[in-house]
């Protein structure tokens, strides 16, 4: 049973705390709105609606954008950026969960004065 504890801990830090859940809901909503935007758009021009999911996953997505630019120049495939959004959101959700856990642990410790 001890072999699955690190995976369970990572899953709790990434998904099962209020900060991470709210963050992932925000990113998921931004992606859903951006993906559905062509359904109600009257113009054939590309919109900037995909900027919002990228901004919500910044700074981790900044590394993904840099990697895509260096690997494919201006012709990076859409799957790379979609996967980059997903990975960036999960990495930042994990960071939020770890930060929340550290702050809660610090609050529970008695202060040494």
N, C-alpha and C. Protein backbone atom coordinates (compact mmCIF):
# COMPACT_ATOMS: atom_id res chain seq x y z
N UNK A 1 0.81 -1.20 0.00
CA UNK A 1 0.00 0.00 0.00
C UNK A 1 0.85 1.26 0.00
N UNK A 2 2.06 1.17 0.50
CA UNK A 2 2.89 2.36 0.58
C UNK A 2 3.38 2.82 -0.78
N UNK A 3 3.36 1.95 -1.78
CA UNK A 3 3.85 2.33 -3.10
C UNK A 3 2.95 3.36 -3.77
N UNK A 4 1.67 3.39 -3.42
CA UNK A 4 0.77 4.35 -4.07
C UNK A 4 0.65 5.67 -3.31
N UNK A 5 1.31 5.82 -2.20
CA UNK A 5 1.21 7.05 -1.43
C UNK A 5 1.76 8.28 -2.15
N UNK A 6 2.92 8.20 -2.80
CA UNK A 6 3.38 9.41 -3.52
C UNK A 6 2.42 9.84 -4.62
N UNK A 7 1.83 8.89 -5.31
CA UNK A 7 0.87 9.22 -6.36
C UNK A 7 -0.38 9.83 -5.75
N UNK A 8 -0.83 9.27 -4.64
CA UNK A 8 -2.00 9.80 -3.96
C UNK A 8 -1.73 11.21 -3.44
N UNK A 9 -0.54 11.43 -2.92
CA UNK A 9 -0.18 12.76 -2.42
C UNK A 9 -0.14 13.77 -3.56
N UNK A 10 0.45 13.39 -4.68
CA UNK A 10 0.48 14.29 -5.85
C UNK A 10 -0.93 14.59 -6.34
N UNK A 11 -1.78 13.59 -6.36
CA UNK A 11 -3.16 13.81 -6.80
C UNK A 11 -3.90 14.73 -5.84
N UNK A 12 -3.69 14.57 -4.55
CA UNK A 12 -4.34 15.46 -3.58
C UNK A 12 -3.85 16.89 -3.72
N UNK A 13 -2.55 17.05 -3.90
CA UNK A 13 -2.00 18.39 -4.04
C UNK A 13 -2.47 19.05 -5.34
N UNK A 14 -2.67 18.26 -6.37
CA UNK A 14 -3.03 18.81 -7.68
C UNK A 14 -4.53 19.06 -7.80
N UNK A 15 -5.37 18.20 -7.25
CA UNK A 15 -6.81 18.29 -7.49
C UNK A 15 -7.66 18.51 -6.24
N UNK A 16 -7.27 17.96 -5.11
CA UNK A 16 -8.19 17.87 -3.97
C UNK A 16 -7.94 18.91 -2.89
N UNK A 17 -7.80 20.15 -3.28
CA UNK A 17 -7.75 21.24 -2.32
C UNK A 17 -8.44 22.44 -2.95
N UNK A 18 -8.92 23.36 -2.15
CA UNK A 18 -9.73 24.46 -2.69
C UNK A 18 -9.00 25.34 -3.71
N UNK A 19 -7.74 25.65 -3.46
CA UNK A 19 -7.00 26.53 -4.37
C UNK A 19 -6.81 25.88 -5.73
N UNK A 20 -6.38 24.62 -5.74
CA UNK A 20 -6.16 23.92 -7.01
C UNK A 20 -7.47 23.69 -7.76
N UNK A 21 -8.51 23.32 -7.04
CA UNK A 21 -9.80 23.09 -7.69
C UNK A 21 -10.34 24.36 -8.33
N UNK A 22 -10.24 25.47 -7.62
CA UNK A 22 -10.70 26.75 -8.18
C UNK A 22 -9.86 27.15 -9.40
N UNK A 23 -8.55 26.98 -9.30
CA UNK A 23 -7.67 27.32 -10.41
C UNK A 23 -7.97 26.46 -11.64
N UNK A 24 -8.11 25.14 -11.44
CA UNK A 24 -8.41 24.27 -12.58
C UNK A 24 -9.78 24.56 -13.18
N UNK A 25 -10.75 24.94 -12.35
CA UNK A 25 -12.06 25.33 -12.86
C UNK A 25 -11.95 26.60 -13.71
N UNK A 26 -11.15 27.55 -13.27
CA UNK A 26 -10.95 28.78 -14.03
C UNK A 26 -10.30 28.50 -15.38
N UNK A 27 -9.26 27.70 -15.38
CA UNK A 27 -8.58 27.36 -16.64
C UNK A 27 -9.51 26.55 -17.53
N UNK A 28 -10.22 25.59 -16.97
CA UNK A 28 -11.16 24.78 -17.77
C UNK A 28 -12.27 25.61 -18.39
N UNK A 29 -12.77 26.58 -17.64
CA UNK A 29 -13.80 27.47 -18.18
C UNK A 29 -13.25 28.32 -19.32
N UNK A 30 -12.04 28.83 -19.15
CA UNK A 30 -11.42 29.64 -20.21
C UNK A 30 -11.18 28.81 -21.47
N UNK A 31 -10.77 27.57 -21.31
CA UNK A 31 -10.55 26.70 -22.47
C UNK A 31 -11.88 26.36 -23.14
N UNK A 32 -12.92 26.08 -22.34
CA UNK A 32 -14.23 25.75 -22.91
C UNK A 32 -14.81 26.94 -23.68
N UNK A 33 -14.68 28.14 -23.14
CA UNK A 33 -15.17 29.33 -23.85
C UNK A 33 -14.38 29.55 -25.13
N UNK A 34 -13.06 29.37 -25.06
CA UNK A 34 -12.23 29.57 -26.25
C UNK A 34 -12.54 28.52 -27.32
N UNK A 35 -12.79 27.29 -26.91
CA UNK A 35 -13.09 26.24 -27.88
C UNK A 35 -14.48 26.41 -28.49
N UNK A 36 -15.41 26.96 -27.72
CA UNK A 36 -16.78 27.15 -28.22
C UNK A 36 -16.96 28.46 -28.98
N UNK A 37 -16.00 29.34 -28.93
CA UNK A 37 -16.13 30.66 -29.55
C UNK A 37 -16.45 30.61 -31.05
N UNK A 38 -15.89 29.69 -31.83
CA UNK A 38 -16.26 29.66 -33.25
C UNK A 38 -17.73 29.33 -33.51
N UNK A 39 -18.43 28.76 -32.52
CA UNK A 39 -19.84 28.42 -32.71
C UNK A 39 -20.73 29.65 -32.79
N UNK A 40 -20.37 30.73 -32.09
CA UNK A 40 -21.21 31.92 -32.10
C UNK A 40 -20.54 33.12 -32.77
N UNK A 41 -19.34 32.95 -33.29
CA UNK A 41 -18.64 34.05 -33.94
C UNK A 41 -19.12 34.19 -35.38
N UNK A 42 -19.35 35.43 -35.78
CA UNK A 42 -19.79 35.70 -37.15
C UNK A 42 -18.63 36.00 -38.08
N UNK A 43 -17.48 36.32 -37.55
CA UNK A 43 -16.35 36.69 -38.39
C UNK A 43 -15.48 35.48 -38.68
N UNK A 44 -14.85 35.51 -39.82
CA UNK A 44 -13.95 34.43 -40.20
C UNK A 44 -12.54 34.67 -39.68
N UNK A 45 -12.31 35.85 -39.14
CA UNK A 45 -10.99 36.17 -38.59
C UNK A 45 -10.74 35.39 -37.31
N UNK A 46 -9.48 35.17 -37.05
CA UNK A 46 -9.14 34.53 -35.78
C UNK A 46 -9.26 35.53 -34.65
N UNK A 47 -9.80 35.10 -33.55
CA UNK A 47 -9.94 36.00 -32.41
C UNK A 47 -8.80 35.76 -31.43
N UNK A 48 -8.74 36.59 -30.44
CA UNK A 48 -7.72 36.46 -29.42
C UNK A 48 -8.24 35.78 -28.16
N UNK A 49 -9.29 35.00 -28.29
CA UNK A 49 -9.90 34.37 -27.13
C UNK A 49 -8.97 33.33 -26.50
N UNK A 50 -8.05 32.76 -27.28
CA UNK A 50 -7.13 31.76 -26.73
C UNK A 50 -6.02 32.40 -25.90
N UNK A 51 -5.99 33.72 -25.86
CA UNK A 51 -5.01 34.40 -25.01
C UNK A 51 -5.34 34.16 -23.53
N UNK A 52 -6.62 34.09 -23.20
CA UNK A 52 -7.02 33.94 -21.80
C UNK A 52 -6.53 32.64 -21.17
N UNK A 53 -6.72 31.47 -21.80
CA UNK A 53 -6.15 30.26 -21.18
C UNK A 53 -4.63 30.34 -21.06
N UNK A 54 -3.98 30.94 -22.04
CA UNK A 54 -2.52 31.06 -21.97
C UNK A 54 -2.12 31.98 -20.82
N UNK A 55 -2.84 33.06 -20.61
CA UNK A 55 -2.53 33.97 -19.50
C UNK A 55 -2.79 33.32 -18.15
N UNK A 56 -3.86 32.52 -18.06
CA UNK A 56 -4.16 31.85 -16.79
C UNK A 56 -3.13 30.78 -16.44
N UNK A 57 -2.43 30.25 -17.45
CA UNK A 57 -1.41 29.23 -17.19
C UNK A 57 0.00 29.79 -17.26
N UNK A 58 0.12 31.10 -17.35
CA UNK A 58 1.43 31.73 -17.34
C UNK A 58 1.95 31.77 -15.91
N UNK A 59 3.16 31.54 -15.59
CA UNK A 59 4.38 31.54 -16.38
C UNK A 59 4.78 30.19 -16.94
N UNK A 60 4.14 29.10 -16.51
CA UNK A 60 4.53 27.79 -17.02
C UNK A 60 4.30 27.69 -18.53
N UNK A 61 3.22 28.30 -19.02
CA UNK A 61 2.96 28.25 -20.46
C UNK A 61 3.97 29.09 -21.24
N UNK A 62 4.59 30.06 -20.60
CA UNK A 62 5.64 30.83 -21.26
C UNK A 62 6.79 29.93 -21.69
N UNK A 63 7.12 28.96 -20.84
CA UNK A 63 8.16 27.99 -21.21
C UNK A 63 7.71 27.13 -22.38
N UNK A 64 6.45 26.72 -22.38
CA UNK A 64 5.92 25.90 -23.48
C UNK A 64 5.95 26.70 -24.78
N UNK A 65 5.55 27.96 -24.73
CA UNK A 65 5.57 28.80 -25.93
C UNK A 65 6.99 28.98 -26.44
N UNK A 66 7.93 29.19 -25.53
CA UNK A 66 9.33 29.33 -25.93
C UNK A 66 9.83 28.04 -26.57
N UNK A 67 9.49 26.90 -25.99
CA UNK A 67 9.90 25.61 -26.52
C UNK A 67 9.32 25.38 -27.92
N UNK A 68 8.04 25.71 -28.09
CA UNK A 68 7.41 25.55 -29.40
C UNK A 68 8.02 26.48 -30.44
N UNK A 69 8.34 27.68 -30.04
CA UNK A 69 8.96 28.64 -30.96
C UNK A 69 10.35 28.18 -31.37
N UNK A 70 11.10 27.63 -30.44
CA UNK A 70 12.46 27.20 -30.77
C UNK A 70 12.46 25.90 -31.58
N UNK A 71 11.46 25.06 -31.38
CA UNK A 71 11.43 23.78 -32.10
C UNK A 71 10.81 23.90 -33.49
N UNK A 72 9.72 24.66 -33.63
CA UNK A 72 9.01 24.72 -34.90
C UNK A 72 8.99 26.11 -35.52
N UNK A 73 9.65 27.06 -34.95
CA UNK A 73 9.60 28.46 -35.40
C UNK A 73 8.17 28.95 -35.28
N UNK A 74 7.59 29.47 -36.34
CA UNK A 74 6.23 30.02 -36.26
C UNK A 74 5.16 28.98 -36.57
N UNK A 75 5.55 27.77 -36.92
CA UNK A 75 4.59 26.75 -37.35
C UNK A 75 4.42 25.63 -36.33
N UNK A 76 4.36 25.96 -35.07
CA UNK A 76 4.15 24.94 -34.05
C UNK A 76 2.74 24.37 -34.18
N UNK A 77 2.58 23.06 -34.06
CA UNK A 77 1.26 22.45 -34.21
C UNK A 77 0.34 22.79 -33.04
N UNK A 78 -0.95 22.76 -33.32
CA UNK A 78 -1.94 23.09 -32.30
C UNK A 78 -1.94 22.08 -31.16
N UNK A 79 -1.66 20.81 -31.45
CA UNK A 79 -1.64 19.80 -30.39
C UNK A 79 -0.56 20.10 -29.36
N UNK A 80 0.54 20.70 -29.81
CA UNK A 80 1.62 21.03 -28.88
C UNK A 80 1.17 22.10 -27.89
N UNK A 81 0.48 23.11 -28.39
CA UNK A 81 0.01 24.17 -27.50
C UNK A 81 -1.13 23.70 -26.61
N UNK A 82 -2.01 22.85 -27.13
CA UNK A 82 -3.10 22.31 -26.30
C UNK A 82 -2.53 21.44 -25.18
N UNK A 83 -1.59 20.59 -25.52
CA UNK A 83 -0.94 19.77 -24.50
C UNK A 83 -0.15 20.62 -23.52
N UNK A 84 0.46 21.69 -24.04
CA UNK A 84 1.20 22.60 -23.18
C UNK A 84 0.29 23.32 -22.19
N UNK A 85 -0.91 23.70 -22.64
CA UNK A 85 -1.87 24.30 -21.72
C UNK A 85 -2.25 23.33 -20.61
N UNK A 86 -2.49 22.09 -20.97
CA UNK A 86 -2.86 21.07 -19.99
C UNK A 86 -1.75 20.84 -18.98
N UNK A 87 -0.54 20.63 -19.46
CA UNK A 87 0.59 20.37 -18.57
C UNK A 87 0.88 21.58 -17.70
N UNK A 88 0.81 22.78 -18.28
CA UNK A 88 1.05 24.00 -17.51
C UNK A 88 0.02 24.17 -16.41
N UNK A 89 -1.24 23.91 -16.72
CA UNK A 89 -2.29 24.03 -15.71
C UNK A 89 -2.07 23.02 -14.58
N UNK A 90 -1.69 21.80 -14.91
CA UNK A 90 -1.48 20.78 -13.88
C UNK A 90 -0.26 21.09 -13.02
N UNK A 91 0.81 21.58 -13.65
CA UNK A 91 2.01 21.94 -12.88
C UNK A 91 1.71 23.09 -11.92
N UNK A 92 0.99 24.08 -12.40
CA UNK A 92 0.69 25.22 -11.53
C UNK A 92 -0.35 24.86 -10.47
N UNK A 93 -1.24 23.94 -10.77
CA UNK A 93 -2.18 23.46 -9.76
C UNK A 93 -1.44 22.71 -8.66
N UNK A 94 -0.46 21.92 -9.04
CA UNK A 94 0.38 21.23 -8.06
C UNK A 94 1.13 22.23 -7.20
N UNK A 95 1.66 23.27 -7.82
CA UNK A 95 2.38 24.30 -7.05
C UNK A 95 1.44 25.03 -6.09
N UNK A 96 0.23 25.32 -6.53
CA UNK A 96 -0.74 25.94 -5.63
C UNK A 96 -1.08 25.03 -4.45
N UNK A 97 -1.28 23.74 -4.73
CA UNK A 97 -1.58 22.79 -3.67
C UNK A 97 -0.44 22.66 -2.68
N UNK A 98 0.79 22.63 -3.17
CA UNK A 98 1.95 22.53 -2.28
C UNK A 98 2.10 23.80 -1.45
N UNK A 99 1.85 24.95 -2.06
CA UNK A 99 1.92 26.21 -1.32
C UNK A 99 0.86 26.26 -0.24
N UNK A 100 -0.36 25.86 -0.57
CA UNK A 100 -1.43 25.85 0.42
C UNK A 100 -1.11 24.89 1.56
N UNK A 101 -0.57 23.74 1.23
CA UNK A 101 -0.20 22.76 2.27
C UNK A 101 0.90 23.32 3.17
N UNK A 102 1.88 23.98 2.59
CA UNK A 102 2.96 24.57 3.39
C UNK A 102 2.44 25.68 4.29
N UNK A 103 1.54 26.51 3.77
CA UNK A 103 0.98 27.58 4.58
C UNK A 103 0.12 27.05 5.71
N UNK A 104 -0.64 26.01 5.43
CA UNK A 104 -1.45 25.40 6.49
C UNK A 104 -0.58 24.75 7.54
N UNK A 105 0.50 24.11 7.13
CA UNK A 105 1.41 23.49 8.08
C UNK A 105 2.10 24.51 8.94
N UNK A 106 2.46 25.64 8.37
CA UNK A 106 3.12 26.70 9.13
C UNK A 106 2.16 27.31 10.14
N UNK A 107 0.90 27.42 9.76
CA UNK A 107 -0.09 28.00 10.65
C UNK A 107 -0.37 27.08 11.85
N UNK A 108 -0.28 25.77 11.64
CA UNK A 108 -0.58 24.82 12.72
C UNK A 108 0.57 24.67 13.71
N UNK A 109 1.80 24.98 13.28
CA UNK A 109 2.92 24.88 14.20
C UNK A 109 2.87 26.00 15.22
N UNK A 110 3.21 25.70 16.47
CA UNK A 110 3.24 26.79 17.46
C UNK A 110 4.41 27.72 17.16
N UNK A 111 4.19 28.98 17.37
CA UNK A 111 5.24 29.95 17.09
C UNK A 111 6.29 29.91 18.18
N UNK A 112 7.52 30.05 17.76
CA UNK A 112 8.64 30.02 18.72
C UNK A 112 9.11 31.44 18.94
N UNK A 113 8.84 31.96 20.09
CA UNK A 113 9.24 33.34 20.35
C UNK A 113 10.13 33.44 21.57
